[in-house]
C-alpha cells in the first residue's frame, strides 16, 4: 500500500468518476471508475491498468451537494497495484478554480457531517 501524503482531509465516498488520460498522440483515453477517496487537493480512484506517473488526467464527476458535474484536471502521482489488475491511482488536482475548490469543500464538509450522523 502507499503512504499517506495528502495535507488535507479526505473522505471515502463511492462516487463515480469519468477519467481521461492524455495519450502521446494528443487524444484522451477515457474510462469510468469509482473514487476510493477525495480531498480538496486530490483524488484516489481505481483503474484496471497501471497509469503512468506524471501523466495528465481529466476528471468528471458529480458533486451531490450542488448537483453539478465538476471537470477538473490533475496529474498522476502514483499508481499502485492493489490486487491483480486493480490499481489505486493517486491524482493531484491542478488548475482548480475558486468555484471548484468551494464545491469540493462543501461536499467534504457535508459528507463529514452526514458520516457522523448530524443532519
PDB file of N, CA and C in Angstrom:
ATOM      1  N   UNK A   1       0.848  -1.189   0.000  1.00  0.00           N
ATOM      2  CA  UNK A   1       0.000   0.000   0.000  1.00  0.00           C
ATOM      3  C   UNK A   1       0.889   1.247   0.000  1.00  0.00           C
ATOM      4  N   UNK A   2       0.285   2.372  -0.285  1.00  0.00           N
ATOM      5  CA  UNK A   2       1.055   3.599  -0.359  1.00  0.00           C
ATOM      6  C   UNK A   2       0.947   4.398   0.935  1.00  0.00           C
ATOM      7  N   UNK A   3       1.937   5.226   1.168  1.00  0.00           N
ATOM      8  CA  UNK A   3       1.977   6.080   2.348  1.00  0.00           C
ATOM      9  C   UNK A   3       1.118   7.316   2.121  1.00  0.00           C
ATOM     10  N   UNK A   4       0.382   7.725   3.153  1.00  0.00           N
ATOM     11  CA  UNK A   4      -0.478   8.910   3.048  1.00  0.00           C
ATOM     12  C   UNK A   4       0.381  10.164   2.946  1.00  0.00           C
ATOM     13  N   UNK A   5       0.145  10.976   1.915  1.00  0.00           N
ATOM     14  CA  UNK A   5       0.938  12.184   1.699  1.00  0.00           C
ATOM     15  C   UNK A   5       0.078  13.432   1.601  1.00  0.00           C
ATOM     16  N   UNK A   6      -1.231  13.276   1.643  1.00  0.00           N
ATOM     17  CA  UNK A   6      -2.101  14.442   1.495  1.00  0.00           C
ATOM     18  C   UNK A   6      -2.036  15.337   2.714  1.00  0.00           C
ATOM     19  N   UNK A   7      -2.206  16.606   2.452  1.00  0.00           N
ATOM     20  CA  UNK A   7      -2.175  17.607   3.512  1.00  0.00           C
ATOM     21  C   UNK A   7      -3.569  18.111   3.859  1.00  0.00           C
ATOM     22  N   UNK A   8      -4.595  17.504   3.302  1.00  0.00           N
ATOM     23  CA  UNK A   8      -5.965  17.937   3.568  1.00  0.00           C
ATOM     24  C   UNK A   8      -6.836  16.731   3.906  1.00  0.00           C
ATOM     25  N   UNK A   9      -7.984  17.008   4.487  1.00  0.00           N
ATOM     26  CA  UNK A   9      -8.908  15.954   4.909  1.00  0.00           C
ATOM     27  C   UNK A   9      -9.432  15.219   3.685  1.00  0.00           C
ATOM     28  N   UNK A  10      -9.481  13.913   3.776  1.00  0.00           N
ATOM     29  CA  UNK A  10     -10.034  13.122   2.681  1.00  0.00           C
ATOM     30  C   UNK A  10     -11.215  12.315   3.209  1.00  0.00           C
ATOM     31  N   UNK A  11     -12.123  12.045   2.308  1.00  0.00           N
ATOM     32  CA  UNK A  11     -13.291  11.248   2.657  1.00  0.00           C
ATOM     33  C   UNK A  11     -13.383  10.067   1.705  1.00  0.00           C
ATOM     34  N   UNK A  12     -13.965   9.003   2.200  1.00  0.00           N
ATOM     35  CA  UNK A  12     -14.167   7.808   1.377  1.00  0.00           C
ATOM     36  C   UNK A  12     -15.648   7.712   1.073  1.00  0.00           C
ATOM     37  N   UNK A  13     -16.004   8.101  -0.130  1.00  0.00           N
ATOM     38  CA  UNK A  13     -17.380   8.043  -0.593  1.00  0.00           C
ATOM     39  C   UNK A  13     -17.407   7.413  -1.978  1.00  0.00           C
ATOM     40  N   UNK A  14     -18.359   6.533  -2.229  1.00  0.00           N
ATOM     41  CA  UNK A  14     -18.413   5.840  -3.522  1.00  0.00           C
ATOM     42  C   UNK A  14     -19.024   6.694  -4.636  1.00  0.00           C
ATOM     43  N   UNK A  15     -18.257   7.623  -5.151  1.00  0.00           N
ATOM     44  CA  UNK A  15     -18.698   8.441  -6.275  1.00  0.00           C
ATOM     45  C   UNK A  15     -18.151   7.847  -7.561  1.00  0.00           C
ATOM     46  N   UNK A  16     -18.922   7.965  -8.616  1.00  0.00           N
ATOM     47  CA  UNK A  16     -18.471   7.532  -9.928  1.00  0.00           C
ATOM     48  C   UNK A  16     -17.692   8.673 -10.571  1.00  0.00           C
ATOM     49  N   UNK A  17     -16.585   8.342 -11.202  1.00  0.00           N
ATOM     50  CA  UNK A  17     -15.757   9.343 -11.868  1.00  0.00           C
ATOM     51  C   UNK A  17     -15.428   8.860 -13.281  1.00  0.00           C
ATOM     52  N   UNK A  18     -15.513   9.782 -14.218  1.00  0.00           N
ATOM     53  CA  UNK A  18     -15.059   9.521 -15.576  1.00  0.00           C
ATOM     54  C   UNK A  18     -13.681  10.170 -15.679  1.00  0.00           C
ATOM     55  N   UNK A  19     -12.688   9.415 -16.174  1.00  0.00           N
ATOM     56  CA  UNK A  19     -11.351   9.982 -16.254  1.00  0.00           C
ATOM     57  C   UNK A  19     -10.735   9.703 -17.612  1.00  0.00           C
ATOM     58  N   UNK A  20     -10.035  10.703 -18.095  1.00  0.00           N
ATOM     59  CA  UNK A  20      -9.358  10.587 -19.382  1.00  0.00           C
ATOM     60  C   UNK A  20      -7.890  10.882 -19.217  1.00  0.00           C
ATOM     61  N   UNK A  21      -7.060   9.987 -19.722  1.00  0.00           N
ATOM     62  CA  UNK A  21      -5.607  10.147 -19.627  1.00  0.00           C
ATOM     63  C   UNK A  21      -5.070  10.548 -20.996  1.00  0.00           C
ATOM     64  N   UNK A  22      -4.257  11.594 -21.002  1.00  0.00           N
ATOM     65  CA  UNK A  22      -3.673  12.106 -22.241  1.00  0.00           C
ATOM     66  C   UNK A  22      -2.698  11.085 -22.831  1.00  0.00           C
ATOM     67  N   UNK A  23      -2.917  10.755 -24.108  1.00  0.00           N
ATOM     68  CA  UNK A  23      -2.043   9.819 -24.810  1.00  0.00           C
ATOM     69  C   UNK A  23      -0.998  10.596 -25.614  1.00  0.00           C
ATOM     70  N   UNK A  24       0.004   9.882 -26.115  1.00  0.00           N
ATOM     71  CA  UNK A  24       1.092  10.503 -26.880  1.00  0.00           C
ATOM     72  C   UNK A  24       0.610  11.233 -28.125  1.00  0.00           C
ATOM     73  N   UNK A  25      -0.497  10.770 -28.717  1.00  0.00           N
ATOM     74  CA  UNK A  25      -0.987  11.396 -29.948  1.00  0.00           C
ATOM     75  C   UNK A  25      -1.875  12.620 -29.686  1.00  0.00           C
ATOM     76  N   UNK A  26      -1.989  13.025 -28.399  1.00  0.00           N
ATOM     77  CA  UNK A  26      -2.757  14.220 -28.061  1.00  0.00           C
ATOM     78  C   UNK A  26      -4.224  13.973 -27.782  1.00  0.00           C
ATOM     79  N   UNK A  27      -4.680  12.744 -27.929  1.00  0.00           N
ATOM     80  CA  UNK A  27      -6.067  12.403 -27.616  1.00  0.00           C
ATOM     81  C   UNK A  27      -6.138  11.839 -26.195  1.00  0.00           C
ATOM     82  N   UNK A  28      -7.353  11.640 -25.730  1.00  0.00           N
ATOM     83  CA  UNK A  28      -7.552  11.099 -24.388  1.00  0.00           C
ATOM     84  C   UNK A  28      -8.158   9.711 -24.453  1.00  0.00           C
ATOM     85  N   UNK A  29      -7.690   8.857 -23.582  1.00  0.00           N
ATOM     86  CA  UNK A  29      -8.246   7.522 -23.409  1.00  0.00           C
ATOM     87  C   UNK A  29      -9.176   7.596 -22.189  1.00  0.00           C
ATOM     88  N   UNK A  30     -10.497   7.463 -22.409  1.00  0.00           N
ATOM     89  CA  UNK A  30     -11.486   7.644 -21.345  1.00  0.00           C
ATOM     90  C   UNK A  30     -11.916   6.321 -20.734  1.00  0.00           C
ATOM     91  N   UNK A  31     -12.191   6.369 -19.428  1.00  0.00           N
ATOM     92  CA  UNK A  31     -12.679   5.207 -18.694  1.00  0.00           C
ATOM     93  C   UNK A  31     -13.564   5.728 -17.564  1.00  0.00           C
ATOM     94  N   UNK A  32     -14.216   4.818 -16.867  1.00  0.00           N
ATOM     95  CA  UNK A  32     -15.069   5.188 -15.745  1.00  0.00           C
ATOM     96  C   UNK A  32     -14.724   4.282 -14.570  1.00  0.00           C
ATOM     97  N   UNK A  33     -14.805   4.820 -13.361  1.00  0.00           N
ATOM     98  CA  UNK A  33     -14.411   4.068 -12.181  1.00  0.00           C
ATOM     99  C   UNK A  33     -15.116   4.627 -10.953  1.00  0.00           C
ATOM    100  N   UNK A  34     -14.767   4.060  -9.803  1.00  0.00           N
ATOM    101  CA  UNK A  34     -15.245   4.578  -8.520  1.00  0.00           C
ATOM    102  C   UNK A  34     -14.104   5.293  -7.814  1.00  0.00           C
ATOM    103  N   UNK A  35     -14.453   6.372  -7.144  1.00  0.00           N
ATOM    104  CA  UNK A  35     -13.492   7.095  -6.336  1.00  0.00           C
ATOM    105  C   UNK A  35     -13.252   6.294  -5.056  1.00  0.00           C
ATOM    106  N   UNK A  36     -11.988   6.089  -4.713  1.00  0.00           N
ATOM    107  CA  UNK A  36     -11.650   5.462  -3.423  1.00  0.00           C
ATOM    108  C   UNK A  36     -11.768   6.501  -2.319  1.00  0.00           C
ATOM    109  N   UNK A  37     -11.190   7.687  -2.572  1.00  0.00           N
ATOM    110  CA  UNK A  37     -11.308   8.802  -1.640  1.00  0.00           C
ATOM    111  C   UNK A  37     -11.013  10.099  -2.368  1.00  0.00           C
ATOM    112  N   UNK A  38     -11.399  11.204  -1.726  1.00  0.00           N
ATOM    113  CA  UNK A  38     -11.247  12.518  -2.348  1.00  0.00           C
ATOM    114  C   UNK A  38     -10.959  13.548  -1.260  1.00  0.00           C
ATOM    115  N   UNK A  39     -10.195  14.570  -1.626  1.00  0.00           N
ATOM    116  CA  UNK A  39      -9.910  15.693  -0.741  1.00  0.00           C
ATOM    117  C   UNK A  39      -9.983  16.964  -1.573  1.00  0.00           C
ATOM    118  N   UNK A  40      -9.677  18.095  -0.955  1.00  0.00           N
ATOM    119  CA  UNK A  40      -9.673  19.358  -1.693  1.00  0.00           C
ATOM    120  C   UNK A  40      -8.501  19.448  -2.663  1.00  0.00           C
ATOM    121  N   UNK A  41      -7.510  18.600  -2.472  1.00  0.00           N
ATOM    122  CA  UNK A  41      -6.300  18.708  -3.288  1.00  0.00           C
ATOM    123  C   UNK A  41      -6.085  17.549  -4.244  1.00  0.00           C
ATOM    124  N   UNK A  42      -6.835  16.453  -4.074  1.00  0.00           N
ATOM    125  CA  UNK A  42      -6.610  15.322  -4.946  1.00  0.00           C
ATOM    126  C   UNK A  42      -7.625  14.213  -4.778  1.00  0.00           C
ATOM    127  N   UNK A  43      -7.393  13.154  -5.497  1.00  0.00           N
ATOM    128  CA  UNK A  43      -8.348  12.053  -5.556  1.00  0.00           C
ATOM    129  C   UNK A  43      -7.575  10.745  -5.712  1.00  0.00           C
ATOM    130  N   UNK A  44      -8.163   9.677  -5.241  1.00  0.00           N
ATOM    131  CA  UNK A  44      -7.627   8.345  -5.479  1.00  0.00           C
ATOM    132  C   UNK A  44      -8.761   7.534  -6.089  1.00  0.00           C
ATOM    133  N   UNK A  45      -8.491   6.900  -7.200  1.00  0.00           N
ATOM    134  CA  UNK A  45      -9.518   6.111  -7.872  1.00  0.00           C
ATOM    135  C   UNK A  45      -8.966   4.747  -8.240  1.00  0.00           C
ATOM    136  N   UNK A  46      -9.865   3.863  -8.615  1.00  0.00           N
ATOM    137  CA  UNK A  46      -9.467   2.517  -9.054  1.00  0.00           C
ATOM    138  C   UNK A  46      -9.381   2.508 -10.578  1.00  0.00           C
ATOM    139  N   UNK A  47      -8.398   1.775 -11.087  1.00  0.00           N
ATOM    140  CA  UNK A  47      -8.265   1.606 -12.531  1.00  0.00           C
ATOM    141  C   UNK A  47      -7.866   0.160 -12.807  1.00  0.00           C
ATOM    142  N   UNK A  48      -8.167  -0.305 -14.010  1.00  0.00           N
ATOM    143  CA  UNK A  48      -7.825  -1.695 -14.336  1.00  0.00           C
ATOM    144  C   UNK A  48      -6.475  -1.824 -15.042  1.00  0.00           C
ATOM    145  N   UNK A  49      -5.756  -0.696 -15.164  1.00  0.00           N
ATOM    146  CA  UNK A  49      -4.397  -0.713 -15.693  1.00  0.00           C
ATOM    147  C   UNK A  49      -3.545   0.274 -14.889  1.00  0.00           C
ATOM    148  N   UNK A  50      -2.258   0.028 -14.879  1.00  0.00           N
ATOM    149  CA  UNK A  50      -1.339   0.962 -14.214  1.00  0.00           C
ATOM    150  C   UNK A  50      -1.244   2.216 -15.086  1.00  0.00           C
ATOM    151  N   UNK A  51      -1.483   3.370 -14.487  1.00  0.00           N
ATOM    152  CA  UNK A  51      -1.378   4.625 -15.222  1.00  0.00           C
ATOM    153  C   UNK A  51      -0.031   5.258 -14.914  1.00  0.00           C
ATOM    154  N   UNK A  52       0.564   5.849 -15.924  1.00  0.00           N
ATOM    155  CA  UNK A  52       1.928   6.355 -15.822  1.00  0.00           C
ATOM    156  C   UNK A  52       2.025   7.608 -14.949  1.00  0.00           C
ATOM    157  N   UNK A  53       2.959   7.546 -13.998  1.00  0.00           N
ATOM    158  CA  UNK A  53       3.233   8.684 -13.126  1.00  0.00           C
ATOM    159  C   UNK A  53       3.586   9.902 -13.983  1.00  0.00           C
ATOM    160  N   UNK A  54       3.012  11.054 -13.625  1.00  0.00           N
ATOM    161  CA  UNK A  54       3.279  12.287 -14.359  1.00  0.00           C
ATOM    162  C   UNK A  54       2.312  12.551 -15.498  1.00  0.00           C
ATOM    163  N   UNK A  55       1.499  11.563 -15.856  1.00  0.00           N
ATOM    164  CA  UNK A  55       0.522  11.752 -16.938  1.00  0.00           C
ATOM    165  C   UNK A  55      -0.541  12.763 -16.529  1.00  0.00           C
ATOM    166  N   UNK A  56      -1.054  13.469 -17.512  1.00  0.00           N
ATOM    167  CA  UNK A  56      -2.136  14.425 -17.295  1.00  0.00           C
ATOM    168  C   UNK A  56      -3.463  13.679 -17.405  1.00  0.00           C
ATOM    169  N   UNK A  57      -4.385  14.016 -16.527  1.00  0.00           N
ATOM    170  CA  UNK A  57      -5.674  13.328 -16.462  1.00  0.00           C
ATOM    171  C   UNK A  57      -6.791  14.359 -16.322  1.00  0.00           C
ATOM    172  N   UNK A  58      -7.885  14.152 -17.023  1.00  0.00           N
ATOM    173  CA  UNK A  58      -9.078  14.979 -16.847  1.00  0.00           C
ATOM    174  C   UNK A  58     -10.113  14.137 -16.113  1.00  0.00           C
ATOM    175  N   UNK A  59     -10.778  14.744 -15.154  1.00  0.00           N
ATOM    176  CA  UNK A  59     -11.756  14.051 -14.315  1.00  0.00           C
ATOM    177  C   UNK A  59     -13.111  14.737 -14.430  1.00  0.00           C
ATOM    178  N   UNK A  60     -14.155  13.931 -14.477  1.00  0.00           N
ATOM    179  CA  UNK A  60     -15.531  14.446 -14.482  1.00  0.00           C
ATOM    180  C   UNK A  60     -16.321  13.635 -13.472  1.00  0.00           C
ATOM    181  N   UNK A  61     -16.924  14.329 -12.500  1.00  0.00           N
ATOM    182  CA  UNK A  61     -17.754  13.639 -11.519  1.00  0.00           C
ATOM    183  C   UNK A  61     -18.794  14.589 -10.949  1.00  0.00           C
ATOM    184  N   UNK A  62     -19.873  14.007 -10.493  1.00  0.00           N
ATOM    185  CA  UNK A  62     -20.999  14.768  -9.954  1.00  0.00           C
ATOM    186  C   UNK A  62     -20.786  15.022  -8.477  1.00  0.00           C
ATOM    187  N   UNK A  63     -20.905  16.282  -8.071  1.00  0.00           N
ATOM    188  CA  UNK A  63     -20.841  16.650  -6.664  1.00  0.00           C
ATOM    189  C   UNK A  63     -22.283  16.701  -6.152  1.00  0.00           C
ATOM    190  N   UNK A  64     -22.688  15.725  -5.332  1.00  0.00           N
ATOM    191  CA  UNK A  64     -24.091  15.612  -4.914  1.00  0.00           C
ATOM    192  C   UNK A  64     -24.669  16.850  -4.217  1.00  0.00           C
ATOM    193  N   UNK A  65     -23.866  17.556  -3.453  1.00  0.00           N
ATOM    194  CA  UNK A  65     -24.379  18.704  -2.701  1.00  0.00           C
ATOM    195  C   UNK A  65     -24.890  19.796  -3.638  1.00  0.00           C
ATOM    196  N   UNK A  66     -24.199  20.017  -4.728  1.00  0.00           N
ATOM    197  CA  UNK A  66     -24.578  21.060  -5.678  1.00  0.00           C
ATOM    198  C   UNK A  66     -25.275  20.510  -6.920  1.00  0.00           C
ATOM    199  N   UNK A  67     -25.321  19.202  -7.038  1.00  0.00           N
ATOM    200  CA  UNK A  67     -25.910  18.556  -8.218  1.00  0.00           C
ATOM    201  C   UNK A  67     -25.310  19.119  -9.506  1.00  0.00           C
ATOM    202  N   UNK A  68     -24.000  19.322  -9.468  1.00  0.00           N
ATOM    203  CA  UNK A  68     -23.303  19.810 -10.657  1.00  0.00           C
ATOM    204  C   UNK A  68     -22.112  18.907 -10.943  1.00  0.00           C
ATOM    205  N   UNK A  69     -21.759  18.820 -12.195  1.00  0.00           N
ATOM    206  CA  UNK A  69     -20.624  17.994 -12.593  1.00  0.00           C
ATOM    207  C   UNK A  69     -19.359  18.847 -12.586  1.00  0.00           C
ATOM    208  N   UNK A  70     -18.367  18.411 -11.829  1.00  0.00           N
ATOM    209  CA  UNK A  70     -17.075  19.089 -11.836  1.00  0.00           C
ATOM    210  C   UNK A  70     -16.218  18.497 -12.937  1.00  0.00           C
ATOM    211  N   UNK A  71     -15.468  19.350 -13.601  1.00  0.00           N
ATOM    212  CA  UNK A  71     -14.498  18.921 -14.601  1.00  0.00           C
ATOM    213  C   UNK A  71     -13.164  19.504 -14.167  1.00  0.00           C
ATOM    214  N   UNK A  72     -12.288  18.612 -13.710  1.00  0.00           N
ATOM    215  CA  UNK A  72     -11.031  19.021 -13.097  1.00  0.00           C
ATOM    216  C   UNK A  72      -9.871  18.299 -13.778  1.00  0.00           C
ATOM    217  N   UNK A  73      -8.761  19.005 -13.911  1.00  0.00           N
ATOM    218  CA  UNK A  73      -7.544  18.382 -14.429  1.00  0.00           C
ATOM    219  C   UNK A  73      -6.658  17.978 -13.266  1.00  0.00           C
ATOM    220  N   UNK A  74      -5.799  17.010 -13.523  1.00  0.00           N
ATOM    221  CA  UNK A  74      -4.880  16.570 -12.495  1.00  0.00           C
ATOM    222  C   UNK A  74      -3.662  15.901 -13.090  1.00  0.00           C
ATOM    223  N   UNK A  75      -2.723  15.578 -12.217  1.00  0.00           N
ATOM    224  CA  UNK A  75      -1.503  14.891 -12.618  1.00  0.00           C
ATOM    225  C   UNK A  75      -1.391  13.623 -11.784  1.00  0.00           C
ATOM    226  N   UNK A  76      -1.123  12.517 -12.441  1.00  0.00           N
ATOM    227  CA  UNK A  76      -0.994  11.238 -11.739  1.00  0.00           C
ATOM    228  C   UNK A  76       0.317  11.236 -10.970  1.00  0.00           C
ATOM    229  N   UNK A  77       0.207  10.997  -9.655  1.00  0.00           N
ATOM    230  CA  UNK A  77       1.415  10.990  -8.833  1.00  0.00           C
ATOM    231  C   UNK A  77       1.844   9.584  -8.442  1.00  0.00           C
ATOM    232  N   UNK A  78       0.940   8.612  -8.586  1.00  0.00           N
ATOM    233  CA  UNK A  78       1.298   7.237  -8.262  1.00  0.00           C
ATOM    234  C   UNK A  78       0.208   6.292  -8.753  1.00  0.00           C
ATOM    235  N   UNK A  79       0.580   5.051  -8.998  1.00  0.00           N
ATOM    236  CA  UNK A  79      -0.354   4.018  -9.422  1.00  0.00           C
ATOM    237  C   UNK A  79       0.128   2.696  -8.826  1.00  0.00           C
ATOM    238  N   UNK A  80      -0.515   2.269  -7.742  1.00  0.00           N
ATOM    239  CA  UNK A  80      -0.104   1.053  -7.030  1.00  0.00           C
ATOM    240  C   UNK A  80      -1.099  -0.070  -7.265  1.00  0.00           C
ATOM    241  N   UNK A  81      -0.579  -1.268  -7.485  1.00  0.00           N
ATOM    242  CA  UNK A  81      -1.443  -2.434  -7.688  1.00  0.00           C
ATOM    243  C   UNK A  81      -1.987  -2.890  -6.339  1.00  0.00           C
ATOM    244  N   UNK A  82      -3.328  -2.945  -6.223  1.00  0.00           N
ATOM    245  CA  UNK A  82      -3.993  -3.410  -5.009  1.00  0.00           C
ATOM    246  C   UNK A  82      -4.153  -4.924  -5.030  1.00  0.00           C
ATOM    247  N   UNK A  83      -4.580  -5.402  -6.166  1.00  0.00           N
ATOM    248  CA  UNK A  83      -4.685  -6.838  -6.422  1.00  0.00           C
ATOM    249  C   UNK A  83      -4.549  -7.006  -7.929  1.00  0.00           C
ATOM    250  N   UNK A  84      -4.622  -8.222  -8.410  1.00  0.00           N
ATOM    251  CA  UNK A  84      -4.394  -8.484  -9.824  1.00  0.00           C
ATOM    252  C   UNK A  84      -5.270  -7.590 -10.706  1.00  0.00           C
ATOM    253  N   UNK A  85      -4.635  -6.749 -11.502  1.00  0.00           N
ATOM    254  CA  UNK A  85      -5.297  -5.843 -12.455  1.00  0.00           C
ATOM    255  C   UNK A  85      -6.245  -4.833 -11.821  1.00  0.00           C
ATOM    256  N   UNK A  86      -6.019  -4.480 -10.569  1.00  0.00           N
ATOM    257  CA  UNK A  86      -6.750  -3.391  -9.916  1.00  0.00           C
ATOM    258  C   UNK A  86      -5.709  -2.469  -9.293  1.00  0.00           C
ATOM    259  N   UNK A  87      -5.713  -1.219  -9.728  1.00  0.00           N
ATOM    260  CA  UNK A  87      -4.711  -0.252  -9.299  1.00  0.00           C
ATOM    261  C   UNK A  87      -5.364   0.923  -8.577  1.00  0.00           C
ATOM    262  N   UNK A  88      -4.691   1.396  -7.533  1.00  0.00           N
ATOM    263  CA  UNK A  88      -5.082   2.631  -6.855  1.00  0.00           C
ATOM    264  C   UNK A  88      -4.279   3.742  -7.510  1.00  0.00           C
ATOM    265  N   UNK A  89      -4.976   4.678  -8.133  1.00  0.00           N
ATOM    266  CA  UNK A  89      -4.321   5.764  -8.859  1.00  0.00           C
ATOM    267  C   UNK A  89      -4.530   7.057  -8.078  1.00  0.00           C
ATOM    268  N   UNK A  90      -3.428   7.630  -7.627  1.00  0.00           N
ATOM    269  CA  UNK A  90      -3.493   8.895  -6.878  1.00  0.00           C
ATOM    270  C   UNK A  90      -3.233  10.051  -7.836  1.00  0.00           C
ATOM    271  N   UNK A  91      -4.122  11.037  -7.787  1.00  0.00           N
ATOM    272  CA  UNK A  91      -4.059  12.176  -8.702  1.00  0.00           C
ATOM    273  C   UNK A  91      -4.142  13.458  -7.895  1.00  0.00           C
ATOM    274  N   UNK A  92      -3.231  14.386  -8.171  1.00  0.00           N
ATOM    275  CA  UNK A  92      -3.277  15.698  -7.535  1.00  0.00           C
ATOM    276  C   UNK A  92      -3.961  16.656  -8.504  1.00  0.00           C
ATOM    277  N   UNK A  93      -4.916  17.436  -7.991  1.00  0.00           N
ATOM    278  CA  UNK A  93      -5.634  18.390  -8.839  1.00  0.00           C
ATOM    279  C   UNK A  93      -4.703  19.517  -9.260  1.00  0.00           C
ATOM    280  N   UNK A  94      -4.885  19.983 -10.479  1.00  0.00           N
ATOM    281  CA  UNK A  94      -4.126  21.135 -10.985  1.00  0.00           C
ATOM    282  C   UNK A  94      -5.120  22.135 -11.567  1.00  0.00           C
ATOM    283  N   UNK A  95      -4.815  23.398 -11.443  1.00  0.00           N
ATOM    284  CA  UNK A  95      -5.625  24.438 -12.061  1.00  0.00           C
ATOM    285  C   UNK A  95      -7.044  24.544 -11.537  1.00  0.00           C
ATOM    286  N   UNK A  96      -7.252  24.267 -10.247  1.00  0.00           N
ATOM    287  CA  UNK A  96      -8.604  24.392  -9.680  1.00  0.00           C
ATOM    288  C   UNK A  96      -9.051  25.848  -9.664  1.00  0.00           C
ATOM    289  N   UNK A  97     -10.288  26.082 -10.054  1.00  0.00           N
ATOM    290  CA  UNK A  97     -10.854  27.416  -9.923  1.00  0.00           C
ATOM    291  C   UNK A  97     -11.356  27.582  -8.489  1.00  0.00           C
ATOM    292  N   UNK A  98     -11.619  28.794  -8.088  1.00  0.00           N
ATOM    293  CA  UNK A  98     -12.168  29.033  -6.744  1.00  0.00           C
ATOM    294  C   UNK A  98     -13.525  28.339  -6.589  1.00  0.00           C
ATOM    295  N   UNK A  99     -14.304  28.322  -7.655  1.00  0.00           N
ATOM    296  CA  UNK A  99     -15.607  27.649  -7.620  1.00  0.00           C
ATOM    297  C   UNK A  99     -15.438  26.137  -7.423  1.00  0.00           C
ATOM    298  N   UNK A 100     -14.459  25.547  -8.100  1.00  0.00           N
ATOM    299  CA  UNK A 100     -14.166  24.120  -7.920  1.00  0.00           C
ATOM    300  C   UNK A 100     -13.775  23.840  -6.473  1.00  0.00           C
ATOM    301  N   UNK A 101     -12.882  24.664  -5.932  1.00  0.00           N
ATOM    302  CA  UNK A 101     -12.428  24.487  -4.546  1.00  0.00           C
ATOM    303  C   UNK A 101     -13.605  24.573  -3.582  1.00  0.00           C
ATOM    304  N   UNK A 102     -14.479  25.539  -3.814  1.00  0.00           N
ATOM    305  CA  UNK A 102     -15.643  25.716  -2.947  1.00  0.00           C
ATOM    306  C   UNK A 102     -16.580  24.511  -3.032  1.00  0.00           C
ATOM    307  N   UNK A 103     -16.806  24.006  -4.220  1.00  0.00           N
ATOM    308  CA  UNK A 103     -17.646  22.821  -4.398  1.00  0.00           C
ATOM    309  C   UNK A 103     -17.065  21.630  -3.648  1.00  0.00           C
ATOM    310  N   UNK A 104     -15.772  21.428  -3.758  1.00  0.00           N
ATOM    311  CA  UNK A 104     -15.112  20.322  -3.062  1.00  0.00           C
ATOM    312  C   UNK A 104     -15.205  20.495  -1.552  1.00  0.00           C
ATOM    313  N   UNK A 105     -14.946  21.716  -1.055  1.00  0.00           N
ATOM    314  CA  UNK A 105     -15.042  21.989   0.389  1.00  0.00           C
ATOM    315  C   UNK A 105     -16.444  21.697   0.919  1.00  0.00           C
ATOM    316  N   UNK A 106     -17.447  22.176   0.197  1.00  0.00           N
ATOM    317  CA  UNK A 106     -18.829  21.966   0.629  1.00  0.00           C
ATOM    318  C   UNK A 106     -19.188  20.488   0.652  1.00  0.00           C
ATOM    319  N   UNK A 107     -18.768  19.764  -0.371  1.00  0.00           N
ATOM    320  CA  UNK A 107     -19.072  18.345  -0.424  1.00  0.00           C
ATOM    321  C   UNK A 107     -18.383  17.588   0.710  1.00  0.00           C
ATOM    322  N   UNK A 108     -17.129  17.875   0.952  1.00  0.00           N
ATOM    323  CA  UNK A 108     -16.389  17.191   2.017  1.00  0.00           C
ATOM    324  C   UNK A 108     -17.001  17.507   3.376  1.00  0.00           C
ATOM    325  N   UNK A 109     -17.339  18.768   3.614  1.00  0.00           N
ATOM    326  CA  UNK A 109     -17.977  19.143   4.888  1.00  0.00           C
ATOM    327  C   UNK A 109     -19.314  18.429   5.038  1.00  0.00           C
ATOM    328  N   UNK A 110     -20.113  18.397   3.990  1.00  0.00           N
ATOM    329  CA  UNK A 110     -21.416  17.719   4.027  1.00  0.00           C
ATOM    330  C   UNK A 110     -21.235  16.231   4.320  1.00  0.00           C
ATOM    331  N   UNK A 111     -20.279  15.598   3.657  1.00  0.00           N
ATOM    332  CA  UNK A 111     -20.044  14.164   3.850  1.00  0.00           C
ATOM    333  C   UNK A 111     -19.572  13.868   5.269  1.00  0.00           C
ATOM    334  N   UNK A 112     -18.714  14.715   5.827  1.00  0.00           N
ATOM    335  CA  UNK A 112     -18.246  14.504   7.197  1.00  0.00           C
ATOM    336  C   UNK A 112     -19.379  14.628   8.200  1.00  0.00           C
ATOM    337  N   UNK A 113     -20.253  15.615   8.029  1.00  0.00           N
ATOM    338  CA  UNK A 113     -21.399  15.794   8.935  1.00  0.00           C
ATOM    339  C   UNK A 113     -22.329  14.597   8.831  1.00  0.00           C
ATOM    340  N   UNK A 114     -22.637  14.175   7.631  1.00  0.00           N
ATOM    341  CA  UNK A 114     -23.551  13.043   7.446  1.00  0.00           C
ATOM    342  C   UNK A 114     -22.962  11.724   7.917  1.00  0.00           C
ATOM    343  N   UNK A 115     -21.643  11.580   7.824  1.00  0.00           N
ATOM    344  CA  UNK A 115     -20.959  10.387   8.307  1.00  0.00           C
ATOM    345  C   UNK A 115     -21.114  10.233   9.810  1.00  0.00           C
ATOM    346  N   UNK A 116     -21.139  11.354  10.498  1.00  0.00           N
ATOM    347  CA  UNK A 116     -21.223  11.359  11.957  1.00  0.00           C
ATOM    348  C   UNK A 116     -22.648  11.402  12.456  1.00  0.00           C
ATOM    349  N   UNK A 117     -23.589  11.339  11.549  1.00  0.00           N
ATOM    350  CA  UNK A 117     -24.997  11.274  11.933  1.00  0.00           C
ATOM    351  C   UNK A 117     -25.677  12.625  12.107  1.00  0.00           C
ATOM    352  N   UNK A 118     -24.942  13.730  12.010  1.00  0.00           N
ATOM    353  CA  UNK A 118     -25.553  15.053  12.121  1.00  0.00           C
ATOM    354  C   UNK A 118     -26.195  15.437  10.820  1.00  0.00           C
ATOM    355  N   UNK A 119     -27.360  16.037  10.880  1.00  0.00           N
ATOM    356  CA  UNK A 119     -28.049  16.432   9.643  1.00  0.00           C
ATOM    357  C   UNK A 119     -28.400  17.883   9.679  1.00  0.00           C
TER     358      UNK A 119
END
